Amino acid sequence: MNSNNSTIAVIQRVPESPGLRRDLRGRLEQFLVGRKLLPPLPLSRLRALVGEFLAATGVDSAYGHWCMIFINNILWRDVIRRIPVQKRLLLLPFCLRHATRCEGSYDELGLICADCGRCRIAGLRERADALGLVTLVAESSSRVAEWVESGEIQAVIGVSCLASLERAFPAMLRNAVPGIAIPLNHDGCKDTDFDDDVLADALALGEAEVMELPGYDEVKAQVQALFTSERLDRAMLFNRHRARVFAQEARLALCEHGKHYRPMLTIMTYLALAETTAIPPWLEQVALAVECFHKASLVHDDIEDNDDSRYGEPTAHARQGVGVAINLGDYLQGEGYRLLCSDPVPEKLRGQLAAIAAEGHCELALGQAQELEWRDGVQNMEMVLDTFRLKTAPAFRVALAMGALAAGRLDGLHECFQKLSEAMGIAYQLQDDIDDQEDDPASAVFVYARERQVELADARRALRELADAQREDAYAALEGVSSQPLKSLLFRMVGKLLPPPPATLPTPP
């Protein structure tokens, strides 16, 4: 332990002796006392914490990744206590089996243990089964990700070598999976071991104030079910009149395209803050309104920008003419306000919900006004980013604020939602412009290339870095969230909206 280096060295290793590992785990516990850190933390924040720890203690920087894993373990511990035991998974690696005399067989999930007694797997599985955990023996499994997305599994206790943990760590963090990782004490894929006391402590985490929340896929399915023709025909007015083409366009706008991220944010925010799995019918109506507002803005934006395609298909004005499209956008706006201000939405919330929506509408319109004024003039990146902030961020903020208001928990979240929405909105729009292959002189890529006098490829590369920085700003904004369920939810949503390039634990040169 002779290094004062605050960075993590290139060569990473597990502390060599049981005593050294116990000592480091104790030091990490003390280091985190009083910091009031709420998981999940992004890689950049975890890395900074490890740097602080190494600098303060003089611990060898080669143990940096190992320390990062255990910091993450400590932060998740209290969360895992709130997760039902039957929704926790013990994930074991193949290399724990007997190297030459394993009698187990294999299926699509992994190893089926034969209970031959030649390795530790049978005993570990028996311990986990007695406690009620699910056990899986596999190097990695797409099924694990499916279980987590669906909510069938809500926490993972995983044993693996340091190299495998480093590969899996970013994805686990991005998906905000509560987990405890137990590194094998040496590599080699045979005759390996791990600290049994660490696993015993992880398995023994009892249940306290159990928190039941639906999985991401479950909420997604519930939201998608709102946007069917049958559901919309019951909830909205367009089918009660004779304008059949118009009704068809309204259904198409709301049902056929888009991922419905914004109504998902509304419902997920409510569920997380209310700590419930039940979506009240009136909140479904609020979620419909959120999507109406979003799709109205797209219809009008397509006309104003003279875009003839969206989602790979003709836009509403390209199909039916500008007049019909303007009317469609106007109708969706009006429908949104009607949904917010009518039964079964609680009367005491109607005015507040409408005020949130109106403020978002004004801001969005001002952003569009800026874009229209600047479009044919001299643009710079400052103008572009300000337009992105005004045009894209309000829809995210409105969705979040309505969910929090519905749960009675909006106070204290305004600043967080503002920062989060701006960072997500700018990053989302940057990614959209980067991925757009059309030669639009008003896109961020072309504006940056003209301003900096660089090639388009260089502009795209620079803007990807800017989008990455905005993603980090989005994660940083979540430090203002005091509800752990909400922080996890929003952390995962940032990862869905703004997926980063494949990465492992960051290591400086």
Protein backbone atom coordinates (compact mmCIF):
# COMPACT_ATOMS: atom_id res chain seq x y z
CA MET A 1 0.00 0.00 0.00
CA ASN A 2 2.58 2.45 -1.07
CA SER A 3 0.95 4.57 -3.73
CA ASN A 4 -0.54 8.00 -3.35
CA ASN A 5 -1.78 7.97 -6.92
CA SER A 6 -5.42 9.08 -7.13
CA THR A 7 -5.98 7.29 -10.43
CA ILE A 8 -6.55 3.62 -11.19
CA ALA A 9 -3.58 1.87 -12.71
CA VAL A 10 -3.74 -0.02 -15.97
CA ILE A 11 -2.93 -3.39 -14.37
CA GLN A 12 -5.69 -4.26 -11.96
CA ARG A 13 -5.65 -7.05 -9.42
CA VAL A 14 -7.42 -8.52 -6.42
CA PRO A 15 -5.78 -7.90 -3.02
CA GLU A 16 -3.65 -10.96 -2.40
CA SER A 17 -4.51 -12.06 1.14
CA PRO A 18 -7.78 -12.53 3.08
CA GLY A 19 -6.51 -10.14 5.76
CA LEU A 20 -5.73 -7.43 3.21
CA ARG A 21 -9.15 -7.80 1.59
CA ARG A 22 -10.91 -7.56 4.96
CA ASP A 23 -8.84 -4.50 5.83
CA LEU A 24 -9.71 -2.76 2.56
CA ARG A 25 -13.40 -3.55 2.89
CA GLY A 26 -13.35 -2.05 6.38
CA ARG A 27 -11.55 1.05 5.13
CA LEU A 28 -14.10 1.47 2.34
CA GLU A 29 -16.96 1.22 4.85
CA GLN A 30 -15.38 3.99 6.93
CA PHE A 31 -14.66 6.09 3.86
CA LEU A 32 -18.35 6.11 2.91
CA VAL A 33 -19.69 6.93 6.39
CA GLY A 34 -21.54 10.24 6.41
CA ARG A 35 -21.47 10.76 2.64
CA LYS A 36 -25.19 10.01 2.18
CA LEU A 37 -24.71 8.60 -1.31
CA LEU A 38 -27.79 7.17 -2.98
CA PRO A 39 -27.28 4.50 -5.64
CA PRO A 40 -26.98 4.17 -8.53
CA LEU A 41 -23.91 6.26 -9.23
CA PRO A 42 -22.50 6.67 -12.74
CA LEU A 43 -19.07 5.29 -13.56
CA SER A 44 -17.54 8.74 -13.53
CA ARG A 45 -18.73 9.35 -9.95
CA LEU A 46 -17.59 5.93 -8.76
CA ARG A 47 -14.22 6.49 -10.35
CA ALA A 48 -13.88 9.85 -8.60
CA LEU A 49 -14.73 8.25 -5.25
CA VAL A 50 -12.07 5.59 -5.79
CA GLY A 51 -9.57 8.31 -6.64
CA GLU A 52 -10.42 10.10 -3.38
CA PHE A 53 -10.06 6.86 -1.42
CA LEU A 54 -6.70 5.99 -2.95
CA ALA A 55 -5.35 9.47 -2.37
CA ALA A 56 -6.56 9.57 1.24
CA THR A 57 -5.30 6.11 2.24
CA GLY A 58 -2.23 5.45 0.10
CA VAL A 59 -3.70 2.15 -1.04
CA ASP A 60 -2.03 0.64 -4.11
CA SER A 61 -3.82 1.96 -7.19
CA ALA A 62 -3.71 -1.54 -8.73
CA TYR A 63 -6.60 -2.41 -6.40
CA GLY A 64 -8.69 0.44 -7.82
CA HIS A 65 -11.23 -1.58 -9.77
CA TRP A 66 -11.67 -4.00 -6.89
CA CYS A 67 -12.31 -1.03 -4.59
CA MET A 68 -14.81 0.43 -7.07
CA ILE A 69 -16.77 -2.80 -7.06
CA PHE A 70 -16.96 -2.88 -3.28
CA ILE A 71 -17.97 0.78 -3.04
CA ASN A 72 -20.85 -0.07 -5.34
CA ASN A 73 -21.66 -3.15 -3.23
CA ILE A 74 -21.84 -1.10 -0.03
CA LEU A 75 -24.12 1.51 -1.63
CA TRP A 76 -26.61 -1.09 -2.86
CA ARG A 77 -26.84 -3.07 0.37
CA ASP A 78 -29.76 -1.18 1.95
CA VAL A 79 -31.67 -1.18 -1.31
CA ILE A 80 -31.34 -4.96 -1.65
CA ARG A 81 -32.80 -5.34 1.86
CA ARG A 82 -36.01 -3.80 0.50
CA ILE A 83 -36.24 -6.26 -2.39
CA PRO A 84 -38.16 -9.51 -1.78
CA VAL A 85 -35.76 -12.43 -1.37
CA GLN A 86 -37.52 -14.41 -4.09
CA LYS A 87 -36.65 -11.64 -6.55
CA ARG A 88 -32.92 -11.86 -5.86
CA LEU A 89 -30.63 -13.92 -8.10
CA LEU A 90 -27.42 -15.70 -7.13
CA LEU A 91 -25.29 -15.84 -10.29
CA LEU A 92 -22.36 -18.25 -10.17
CA PRO A 93 -19.63 -18.79 -12.79
CA PHE A 94 -18.84 -22.02 -14.64
CA CYS A 95 -15.32 -21.99 -13.32
CA LEU A 96 -16.51 -23.02 -9.85
CA ARG A 97 -17.38 -26.48 -11.18
CA HIS A 98 -14.87 -29.31 -10.99
CA ALA A 99 -12.53 -28.82 -13.90
CA THR A 100 -12.40 -32.48 -15.06
CA ARG A 101 -15.07 -34.49 -13.28
CA CYS A 102 -18.18 -32.28 -13.40
CA GLU A 103 -21.27 -34.45 -14.01
CA GLY A 104 -23.58 -31.55 -14.72
CA SER A 105 -25.40 -30.95 -18.01
CA TYR A 106 -26.24 -27.72 -19.79
CA ASP A 107 -29.33 -26.02 -21.14
CA GLU A 108 -29.99 -22.60 -22.69
CA LEU A 109 -29.64 -20.93 -19.29
CA GLY A 110 -26.41 -22.53 -18.11
CA LEU A 111 -25.21 -25.43 -15.95
CA ILE A 112 -27.65 -27.93 -14.47
CA CYS A 113 -25.83 -29.13 -11.36
CA ALA A 114 -25.83 -32.92 -10.78
CA ASP A 115 -25.18 -32.53 -7.03
CA CYS A 116 -22.12 -34.76 -7.29
CA GLY A 117 -20.40 -32.94 -4.45
CA ARG A 118 -17.08 -32.47 -6.26
CA CYS A 119 -17.29 -28.64 -6.16
CA ARG A 120 -18.94 -25.86 -4.17
CA ILE A 121 -21.84 -25.20 -6.55
CA ALA A 122 -24.30 -27.68 -5.03
CA GLY A 123 -23.72 -26.37 -1.52
CA LEU A 124 -24.03 -22.73 -2.61
CA ARG A 125 -27.23 -23.45 -4.50
CA GLU A 126 -28.64 -25.27 -1.49
CA ARG A 127 -27.87 -22.26 0.74
CA ALA A 128 -29.53 -19.89 -1.71
CA ASP A 129 -32.55 -22.18 -2.19
CA ALA A 130 -33.07 -22.39 1.58
CA LEU A 131 -33.23 -18.60 1.73
CA GLY A 132 -35.57 -18.34 -1.28
CA LEU A 133 -33.16 -16.91 -3.88
CA VAL A 134 -33.04 -17.99 -7.52
CA THR A 135 -29.71 -19.55 -8.56
CA LEU A 136 -28.14 -19.59 -12.03
CA VAL A 137 -24.75 -20.99 -13.05
CA ALA A 138 -23.64 -19.24 -16.21
CA GLU A 139 -20.87 -17.00 -17.48
CA SER A 140 -23.39 -14.51 -18.75
CA SER A 141 -26.97 -14.76 -19.81
CA SER A 142 -29.27 -12.62 -21.88
CA ARG A 143 -32.00 -14.22 -19.82
CA VAL A 144 -30.74 -12.38 -16.74
CA ALA A 145 -31.23 -9.06 -18.53
CA GLU A 146 -34.74 -10.15 -19.55
CA TRP A 147 -35.58 -11.10 -15.97
CA VAL A 148 -34.35 -7.73 -14.71
CA GLU A 149 -36.28 -5.78 -17.37
CA SER A 150 -39.47 -7.68 -16.59
CA GLY A 151 -39.12 -7.27 -12.83
CA GLU A 152 -38.94 -11.04 -12.20
CA ILE A 153 -35.44 -10.42 -10.82
CA GLN A 154 -34.75 -7.12 -9.06
CA ALA A 155 -31.29 -7.73 -7.56
CA VAL A 156 -28.26 -9.78 -8.55
CA ILE A 157 -25.59 -11.27 -6.27
CA GLY A 158 -22.86 -12.33 -8.66
CA VAL A 159 -19.58 -14.21 -8.28
CA SER A 160 -17.12 -13.68 -11.10
CA CYS A 161 -13.51 -12.96 -11.97
CA LEU A 162 -12.41 -9.34 -11.94
CA ALA A 163 -12.06 -9.24 -15.72
CA SER A 164 -15.66 -10.41 -16.28
CA LEU A 165 -16.98 -7.99 -13.67
CA GLU A 166 -15.18 -5.14 -15.42
CA ARG A 167 -16.94 -6.06 -18.69
CA ALA A 168 -20.37 -6.40 -17.09
CA PHE A 169 -20.11 -3.45 -14.71
CA PRO A 170 -21.07 -0.62 -17.10
CA ALA A 171 -24.21 -2.40 -18.31
CA MET A 172 -25.28 -3.23 -14.75
CA LEU A 173 -24.84 0.40 -13.75
CA ARG A 174 -26.59 1.77 -16.84
CA ASN A 175 -29.62 -0.39 -16.06
CA ALA A 176 -29.52 0.56 -12.37
CA VAL A 177 -29.51 -3.08 -11.28
CA PRO A 178 -29.10 -3.41 -7.51
CA GLY A 179 -26.25 -5.83 -7.09
CA ILE A 180 -23.41 -7.18 -5.02
CA ALA A 181 -20.41 -8.40 -7.00
CA ILE A 182 -18.00 -10.85 -5.41
CA PRO A 183 -14.70 -11.07 -7.28
CA LEU A 184 -12.90 -14.39 -7.55
CA ASN A 185 -9.58 -14.17 -5.78
CA HIS A 186 -7.59 -15.15 -8.86
CA ASP A 187 -8.13 -15.76 -12.55
CA GLY A 188 -7.46 -18.92 -14.49
CA CYS A 189 -10.96 -20.37 -14.80
CA LYS A 190 -10.21 -23.38 -12.58
CA ASP A 191 -9.36 -24.18 -8.96
CA THR A 192 -10.42 -20.68 -8.02
CA ASP A 193 -12.13 -19.40 -4.89
CA PHE A 194 -13.74 -16.34 -3.36
CA ASP A 195 -14.30 -14.87 0.10
CA ASP A 196 -17.14 -16.92 1.49
CA ASP A 197 -17.85 -14.41 4.25
CA VAL A 198 -18.66 -11.75 1.62
CA LEU A 199 -21.13 -14.09 -0.07
CA ALA A 200 -22.61 -15.15 3.28
CA ASP A 201 -23.22 -11.52 4.22
CA ALA A 202 -24.86 -10.84 0.84
CA LEU A 203 -27.13 -13.88 1.09
CA ALA A 204 -28.05 -13.02 4.67
CA LEU A 205 -29.36 -9.55 3.85
CA GLY A 206 -32.82 -9.68 5.35
CA GLU A 207 -36.01 -8.04 4.17
CA ALA A 208 -36.84 -4.65 5.62
CA GLU A 209 -39.73 -2.47 4.44
CA VAL A 210 -40.07 -4.53 1.30
CA MET A 211 -40.59 -2.38 -1.78
CA GLU A 212 -42.58 -3.85 -4.63
CA LEU A 213 -42.20 -2.01 -7.92
CA PRO A 214 -43.08 -3.19 -11.42
CA GLY A 215 -40.28 -3.91 -13.85
CA TYR A 216 -39.41 -1.66 -16.77
CA ASP A 217 -41.00 -4.01 -19.31
CA GLU A 218 -44.18 -4.26 -17.25
CA VAL A 219 -44.62 -0.49 -17.12
CA LYS A 220 -43.76 -0.23 -20.82
CA ALA A 221 -46.47 -2.77 -21.64
CA GLN A 222 -49.01 -0.93 -19.46
CA VAL A 223 -48.24 2.35 -21.21
CA GLN A 224 -48.37 0.80 -24.68
CA ALA A 225 -51.80 -0.61 -23.84
CA LEU A 226 -53.07 2.95 -23.45
CA PHE A 227 -52.29 3.69 -27.09
CA THR A 228 -54.57 1.28 -28.92
CA SER A 229 -57.41 2.29 -31.19
CA GLU A 230 -59.96 0.77 -28.82
CA ARG A 231 -58.59 2.60 -25.79
CA LEU A 232 -58.34 5.92 -27.60
CA ASP A 233 -61.84 5.62 -29.04
CA ARG A 234 -63.17 5.40 -25.48
CA ALA A 235 -61.03 8.15 -24.00
CA MET A 236 -60.98 10.80 -26.72
CA LEU A 237 -63.43 12.81 -28.79
CA PHE A 238 -62.27 12.31 -32.37
CA ASN A 239 -64.39 9.20 -32.97
CA ARG A 240 -67.61 10.95 -31.96
CA HIS A 241 -67.74 13.07 -35.09
CA ARG A 242 -67.89 12.43 -38.82
CA ALA A 243 -64.35 13.43 -39.83
CA ARG A 244 -63.15 9.86 -40.47
CA VAL A 245 -59.86 10.76 -42.17
CA PHE A 246 -59.08 13.08 -39.29
CA ALA A 247 -59.87 10.34 -36.75
CA GLN A 248 -57.56 8.00 -38.64
CA GLU A 249 -54.75 10.56 -38.53
CA ALA A 250 -55.25 11.10 -34.79
CA ARG A 251 -55.01 7.36 -34.12
CA LEU A 252 -51.95 7.12 -36.35
CA ALA A 253 -50.21 10.00 -34.57
CA LEU A 254 -50.75 8.51 -31.12
CA CYS A 255 -50.57 4.75 -31.71
CA GLU A 256 -48.31 3.82 -34.55
CA HIS A 257 -45.02 5.57 -33.94
CA GLY A 258 -42.67 6.51 -31.16
CA LYS A 259 -41.65 4.75 -27.96
CA HIS A 260 -43.98 6.71 -25.64
CA TYR A 261 -41.08 7.65 -23.39
CA ARG A 262 -42.81 10.72 -21.99
CA PRO A 263 -46.00 9.05 -20.70
CA MET A 264 -43.72 6.30 -19.37
CA LEU A 265 -41.80 8.94 -17.42
CA THR A 266 -45.05 10.24 -15.95
CA ILE A 267 -46.26 6.84 -14.82
CA MET A 268 -42.88 5.57 -13.64
CA THR A 269 -42.25 8.74 -11.63
CA TYR A 270 -45.61 8.33 -9.93
CA LEU A 271 -45.03 4.63 -9.16
CA ALA A 272 -41.54 5.26 -7.80
CA LEU A 273 -42.53 8.18 -5.55
CA ALA A 274 -45.76 6.55 -4.38
CA GLU A 275 -43.92 3.20 -4.00
CA THR A 276 -46.79 1.27 -5.50
CA THR A 277 -47.51 -1.01 -8.44
CA ALA A 278 -51.03 0.30 -9.00
CA ILE A 279 -51.71 2.90 -11.70
CA PRO A 280 -54.91 4.82 -10.92
CA PRO A 281 -57.24 5.27 -13.92
CA TRP A 282 -57.00 9.06 -13.74
CA LEU A 283 -53.21 8.87 -14.08
CA GLU A 284 -53.68 6.93 -17.32
CA GLN A 285 -55.66 9.90 -18.54
CA VAL A 286 -52.81 12.26 -17.57
CA ALA A 287 -50.34 10.03 -19.45
CA LEU A 288 -52.55 10.22 -22.54
CA ALA A 289 -52.49 14.00 -22.28
CA VAL A 290 -48.68 14.02 -22.08
CA GLU A 291 -48.46 12.07 -25.34
CA CYS A 292 -51.08 14.28 -27.00
CA PHE A 293 -48.94 17.34 -26.25
CA HIS A 294 -45.80 15.65 -27.55
CA LYS A 295 -47.36 14.44 -30.80
CA ALA A 296 -49.00 17.83 -31.41
CA SER A 297 -45.59 19.48 -31.21
CA LEU A 298 -44.18 16.99 -33.75
CA VAL A 299 -47.02 17.59 -36.21
CA HIS A 300 -46.52 21.37 -36.04
CA ASP A 301 -42.73 21.06 -36.08
CA ASP A 302 -42.84 18.99 -39.28
CA ILE A 303 -44.89 21.70 -41.00
CA GLU A 304 -42.66 24.53 -39.79
CA ASP A 305 -39.47 22.70 -40.78
CA ASN A 306 -40.98 21.46 -44.06
CA ASP A 307 -40.12 17.86 -43.18
CA ASP A 308 -41.89 15.34 -45.39
CA SER A 309 -40.99 12.21 -43.42
CA ARG A 310 -40.87 11.06 -39.81
CA TYR A 311 -40.28 7.53 -38.52
CA GLY A 312 -39.46 6.60 -42.11
CA GLU A 313 -42.97 7.46 -43.35
CA PRO A 314 -44.71 10.54 -44.82
CA THR A 315 -45.65 13.18 -42.25
CA ALA A 316 -49.26 14.16 -41.61
CA HIS A 317 -49.07 17.23 -43.84
CA ALA A 318 -47.38 15.20 -46.59
CA ARG A 319 -50.26 12.69 -46.46
CA GLN A 320 -53.25 14.97 -45.94
CA GLY A 321 -52.11 18.53 -46.59
CA VAL A 322 -51.02 21.38 -44.35
CA GLY A 323 -54.54 22.39 -43.34
CA VAL A 324 -55.44 18.97 -41.98
CA ALA A 325 -52.10 18.68 -40.19
CA ILE A 326 -52.42 22.09 -38.50
CA ASN A 327 -55.90 21.14 -37.36
CA LEU A 328 -54.62 17.78 -36.10
CA GLY A 329 -51.93 19.44 -33.98
CA ASP A 330 -54.44 21.96 -32.62
CA TYR A 331 -56.86 19.17 -31.78
CA LEU A 332 -54.22 17.13 -29.93
CA GLN A 333 -53.28 20.17 -27.84
CA GLY A 334 -56.91 20.82 -26.95
CA GLU A 335 -57.51 17.14 -26.22
CA GLY A 336 -54.53 17.12 -23.89
CA TYR A 337 -55.92 19.99 -21.81
CA ARG A 338 -59.39 18.44 -21.80
CA LEU A 339 -57.97 15.16 -20.48
CA LEU A 340 -56.11 16.97 -17.69
CA CYS A 341 -59.15 18.94 -16.60
CA SER A 342 -61.95 16.39 -16.63
CA ASP A 343 -63.07 13.35 -14.65
CA PRO A 344 -61.65 11.17 -13.22
CA VAL A 345 -58.62 13.46 -12.65
CA PRO A 346 -58.92 14.79 -9.06
CA GLU A 347 -60.33 18.30 -9.15
CA LYS A 348 -57.63 19.66 -6.81
CA LEU A 349 -54.91 18.65 -9.31
CA ARG A 350 -56.48 19.85 -12.56
CA GLY A 351 -55.38 23.48 -12.39
CA GLN A 352 -51.83 22.55 -11.35
CA LEU A 353 -51.50 19.97 -14.13
CA ALA A 354 -52.79 22.45 -16.71
CA ALA A 355 -50.36 25.12 -15.45
CA ILE A 356 -47.41 22.72 -15.81
CA ALA A 357 -48.48 21.88 -19.37
CA ALA A 358 -49.06 25.54 -20.32
CA GLU A 359 -45.60 26.59 -19.12
CA GLY A 360 -44.04 23.77 -21.12
CA HIS A 361 -46.02 24.78 -24.20
CA CYS A 362 -44.87 28.39 -23.99
CA GLU A 363 -41.24 27.38 -23.63
CA LEU A 364 -41.45 24.93 -26.52
CA ALA A 365 -43.07 27.55 -28.77
CA LEU A 366 -40.37 30.07 -27.90
CA GLY A 367 -37.72 27.53 -28.83
CA GLN A 368 -39.41 26.93 -32.15
CA ALA A 369 -39.65 30.69 -32.69
CA GLN A 370 -35.90 30.98 -32.18
CA GLU A 371 -35.24 28.20 -34.63
CA LEU A 372 -37.48 29.76 -37.27
CA GLU A 373 -35.82 33.16 -36.88
CA TRP A 374 -32.31 31.77 -36.91
CA ARG A 375 -32.77 29.08 -39.51
CA ASP A 376 -32.01 31.21 -42.53
CA GLY A 377 -29.57 33.51 -40.79
CA VAL A 378 -26.12 33.09 -39.35
CA GLN A 379 -26.24 30.36 -36.75
CA ASN A 380 -23.70 29.31 -34.19
CA MET A 381 -23.60 26.43 -31.73
CA GLU A 382 -24.71 28.61 -28.82
CA MET A 383 -27.92 29.36 -30.71
CA VAL A 384 -28.40 25.70 -31.64
CA LEU A 385 -27.96 24.45 -28.09
CA ASP A 386 -30.28 27.11 -26.70
CA THR A 387 -32.92 26.07 -29.22
CA PHE A 388 -32.47 22.40 -28.25
CA ARG A 389 -32.87 23.35 -24.60
CA LEU A 390 -36.11 25.20 -25.24
CA LYS A 391 -37.62 22.80 -27.80
CA THR A 392 -36.82 19.39 -26.36
CA ALA A 393 -36.40 19.77 -22.61
CA PRO A 394 -39.95 21.01 -21.74
CA ALA A 395 -41.67 17.77 -22.77
CA PHE A 396 -39.42 15.75 -20.45
CA ARG A 397 -39.87 18.21 -17.59
CA VAL A 398 -43.66 18.28 -18.00
CA ALA A 399 -43.82 14.48 -17.98
CA LEU A 400 -41.69 14.24 -14.83
CA ALA A 401 -43.46 17.05 -12.99
CA MET A 402 -46.92 15.62 -13.67
CA GLY A 403 -45.90 12.22 -12.31
CA ALA A 404 -44.41 13.78 -9.18
CA LEU A 405 -47.45 16.04 -8.67
CA ALA A 406 -49.74 13.02 -9.00
CA ALA A 407 -47.78 11.33 -6.19
CA GLY A 408 -47.90 14.48 -4.04
CA ARG A 409 -44.08 14.75 -4.12
CA LEU A 410 -43.27 17.58 -6.54
CA ASP A 411 -41.89 19.97 -3.91
CA GLY A 412 -38.10 19.98 -3.91
CA LEU A 413 -37.77 18.34 -7.32
CA HIS A 414 -38.22 21.38 -9.58
CA GLU A 415 -34.51 22.18 -9.91
CA CYS A 416 -33.55 18.54 -10.40
CA PHE A 417 -36.18 18.05 -13.10
CA GLN A 418 -35.08 21.24 -14.86
CA LYS A 419 -31.40 20.22 -14.97
CA LEU A 420 -32.21 16.65 -15.92
CA SER A 421 -34.62 17.64 -18.69
CA GLU A 422 -32.23 20.16 -20.21
CA ALA A 423 -29.35 17.70 -20.25
CA MET A 424 -31.52 14.89 -21.65
CA GLY A 425 -33.14 17.21 -24.21
CA ILE A 426 -29.84 18.61 -25.53
CA ALA A 427 -28.16 15.18 -25.63
CA TYR A 428 -31.21 13.59 -27.30
CA GLN A 429 -31.34 16.26 -30.00
CA LEU A 430 -27.58 16.13 -30.56
CA GLN A 431 -27.75 12.36 -31.06
CA ASP A 432 -30.64 12.82 -33.47
CA ASP A 433 -28.69 15.33 -35.55
CA ILE A 434 -25.55 13.17 -35.48
CA ASP A 435 -27.47 10.12 -36.69
CA ASP A 436 -29.38 12.07 -39.37
CA GLN A 437 -27.71 11.46 -42.72
CA GLU A 438 -29.59 14.21 -44.55
CA ASP A 439 -27.64 17.27 -45.64
CA ASP A 440 -29.52 19.77 -43.49
CA PRO A 441 -27.49 23.00 -43.28
CA ALA A 442 -29.36 23.93 -40.09
CA SER A 443 -28.43 20.71 -38.25
CA ALA A 444 -25.97 20.89 -35.38
CA VAL A 445 -23.41 18.91 -37.40
CA PHE A 446 -23.35 21.42 -40.26
CA VAL A 447 -23.44 24.43 -37.94
CA TYR A 448 -20.50 23.08 -35.95
CA ALA A 449 -18.54 22.25 -39.11
CA ARG A 450 -19.05 25.77 -40.50
CA GLU A 451 -18.30 27.49 -37.22
CA ARG A 452 -15.13 25.50 -36.49
CA GLN A 453 -14.16 25.04 -40.15
CA VAL A 454 -13.79 21.27 -39.81
CA GLU A 455 -14.94 18.25 -41.81
CA LEU A 456 -18.38 16.78 -41.13
CA ALA A 457 -16.84 13.61 -39.70
CA ASP A 458 -14.85 15.70 -37.23
CA ALA A 459 -17.98 17.68 -36.36
CA ARG A 460 -19.92 14.49 -35.65
CA ARG A 461 -17.10 13.21 -33.46
CA ALA A 462 -16.99 16.46 -31.47
CA LEU A 463 -20.75 16.52 -31.02
CA ARG A 464 -20.74 12.92 -29.80
CA GLU A 465 -18.35 14.06 -27.08
CA LEU A 466 -20.69 16.94 -26.28
CA ALA A 467 -23.66 14.54 -26.13
CA ASP A 468 -21.65 12.29 -23.80
CA ALA A 469 -20.96 15.29 -21.56
CA GLN A 470 -24.68 16.12 -21.49
CA ARG A 471 -25.44 12.52 -20.53
CA GLU A 472 -23.05 12.90 -17.60
CA ASP A 473 -24.84 16.14 -16.69
CA ALA A 474 -28.12 14.21 -16.70
CA TYR A 475 -26.67 11.65 -14.29
CA ALA A 476 -25.26 14.45 -12.13
CA ALA A 477 -28.71 16.07 -11.95
CA LEU A 478 -30.00 12.88 -10.32
CA GLU A 479 -27.90 13.64 -7.24
CA GLY A 480 -30.76 16.00 -6.31
CA VAL A 481 -33.24 13.10 -6.07
CA SER A 482 -33.79 11.89 -2.51
CA SER A 483 -36.04 8.97 -3.47
CA GLN A 484 -33.93 5.90 -4.29
CA PRO A 485 -36.67 4.20 -6.36
CA LEU A 486 -37.08 7.36 -8.45
CA LYS A 487 -33.33 7.79 -8.88
CA SER A 488 -32.99 4.20 -10.12
CA LEU A 489 -35.91 4.66 -12.48
CA LEU A 490 -34.56 7.88 -13.99
CA PHE A 491 -31.03 6.49 -14.15
CA ARG A 492 -32.33 3.60 -16.24
CA MET A 493 -34.39 5.93 -18.43
CA VAL A 494 -31.32 8.08 -19.16
CA GLY A 495 -29.55 4.91 -20.27
CA LYS A 496 -32.47 4.01 -22.56
CA LEU A 497 -32.82 7.44 -24.12
CA LEU A 498 -29.09 8.13 -24.38
CA PRO A 499 -27.30 4.80 -24.78
CA PRO A 500 -23.53 5.22 -24.53
CA PRO A 501 -21.07 3.35 -26.74
CA PRO A 502 -19.90 -0.04 -25.40
CA ALA A 503 -17.43 0.46 -22.59
CA THR A 504 -15.74 -1.19 -19.67
CA LEU A 505 -14.53 0.34 -16.45
CA PRO A 506 -12.59 3.47 -17.39
CA THR A 507 -8.84 3.25 -16.97
CA PRO A 508 -6.49 6.13 -17.73
CA PRO A 509 -3.41 5.53 -19.89
